[in-house]
């Protein structure tokens, strides 16, 4: 029984170390936001988005996502 608990504790410690090595992922899912509304996508945007611009500049950007629905129900 002690061996099983010891192995279980070691496995949790191992998962903690693996979690530190993986990148943080942030998904921003917004309803009714156009592709050019964020100024990092459209420098001529009328909406100031300095925090989103900083996030986009400091990480990876995946800007070609698609929804399986033609209407806004996935975000509601």
Protein backbone atom coordinates (compact mmCIF):
# COMPACT_ATOMS: atom_id res chain seq x y z
CA UNK A 1 0.00 0.00 0.00
CA UNK A 2 2.85 2.40 0.84
CA UNK A 3 4.51 1.67 -2.49
CA UNK A 4 1.32 2.57 -4.37
CA UNK A 5 0.94 5.84 -2.49
CA UNK A 6 4.60 6.66 -3.08
CA UNK A 7 4.26 6.01 -6.83
CA UNK A 8 1.07 8.07 -6.94
CA UNK A 9 2.81 10.99 -5.21
CA UNK A 10 5.75 10.74 -7.61
CA UNK A 11 3.44 10.77 -10.61
CA UNK A 12 1.75 13.96 -9.37
CA UNK A 13 5.14 15.60 -8.87
CA UNK A 14 6.12 14.58 -12.38
CA UNK A 15 2.95 16.14 -13.81
CA UNK A 16 3.75 19.36 -11.96
CA UNK A 17 7.18 19.54 -13.56
CA UNK A 18 5.69 18.87 -16.99
CA UNK A 19 3.11 21.61 -16.45
CA UNK A 20 5.88 24.13 -15.79
CA UNK A 21 7.52 23.35 -19.12
CA UNK A 22 4.38 23.77 -21.25
CA UNK A 23 3.34 27.20 -22.53
CA UNK A 24 0.39 29.15 -21.21
CA UNK A 25 -2.50 29.29 -23.65
CA UNK A 26 -5.06 32.08 -23.74
CA UNK A 27 -8.10 31.83 -25.99
CA UNK A 28 -10.18 34.96 -26.44
CA UNK A 29 -13.56 34.07 -27.86
CA UNK A 30 -15.60 37.19 -28.61
CA UNK A 31 -19.06 37.54 -30.08
CA UNK A 32 -19.68 40.23 -32.73
CA UNK A 33 -16.03 41.23 -33.05
CA UNK A 34 -14.83 41.76 -36.59
CA UNK A 35 -11.42 40.76 -37.93
CA UNK A 36 -10.34 44.40 -38.23
CA UNK A 37 -11.67 45.62 -34.87
CA UNK A 38 -8.40 44.92 -33.04
CA UNK A 39 -5.69 47.38 -33.99
CA UNK A 40 -3.03 44.64 -34.27
CA UNK A 41 -5.05 43.22 -37.19
CA UNK A 42 -5.99 46.59 -38.64
CA UNK A 43 -3.71 49.57 -37.89
CA UNK A 44 -6.49 51.93 -39.07
CA UNK A 45 -9.00 50.59 -36.51
CA UNK A 46 -11.05 53.20 -34.68
CA UNK A 47 -11.08 51.07 -31.50
CA UNK A 48 -7.96 51.33 -29.29
CA UNK A 49 -6.88 47.89 -28.05
CA UNK A 50 -3.46 48.40 -26.43
CA UNK A 51 -3.66 45.39 -24.09
CA UNK A 52 -4.70 42.98 -26.85
CA UNK A 53 -1.95 44.42 -29.06
CA UNK A 54 0.60 43.72 -26.31
CA UNK A 55 -0.65 40.14 -25.91
CA UNK A 56 -0.47 39.58 -29.68
CA UNK A 57 3.02 41.06 -29.92
CA UNK A 58 4.46 39.01 -27.06
CA UNK A 59 3.22 35.58 -28.14
CA UNK A 60 1.98 33.46 -31.00
CA UNK A 61 -1.13 34.47 -32.89
CA UNK A 62 -3.56 32.11 -34.58
CA UNK A 63 -5.97 34.32 -36.48
CA UNK A 64 -7.69 31.89 -38.83
CA UNK A 65 -10.23 30.12 -36.62
CA UNK A 66 -13.62 28.93 -37.79
CA UNK A 67 -16.88 28.03 -36.10
CA UNK A 68 -19.07 25.14 -37.15
CA UNK A 69 -22.14 27.38 -37.04
CA UNK A 70 -23.19 30.16 -39.35
CA UNK A 71 -24.84 32.11 -36.55
CA UNK A 72 -23.69 33.32 -33.11
CA UNK A 73 -24.99 30.37 -31.04
CA UNK A 74 -21.50 28.89 -30.25
CA UNK A 75 -20.61 31.99 -28.23
CA UNK A 76 -23.86 32.19 -26.29
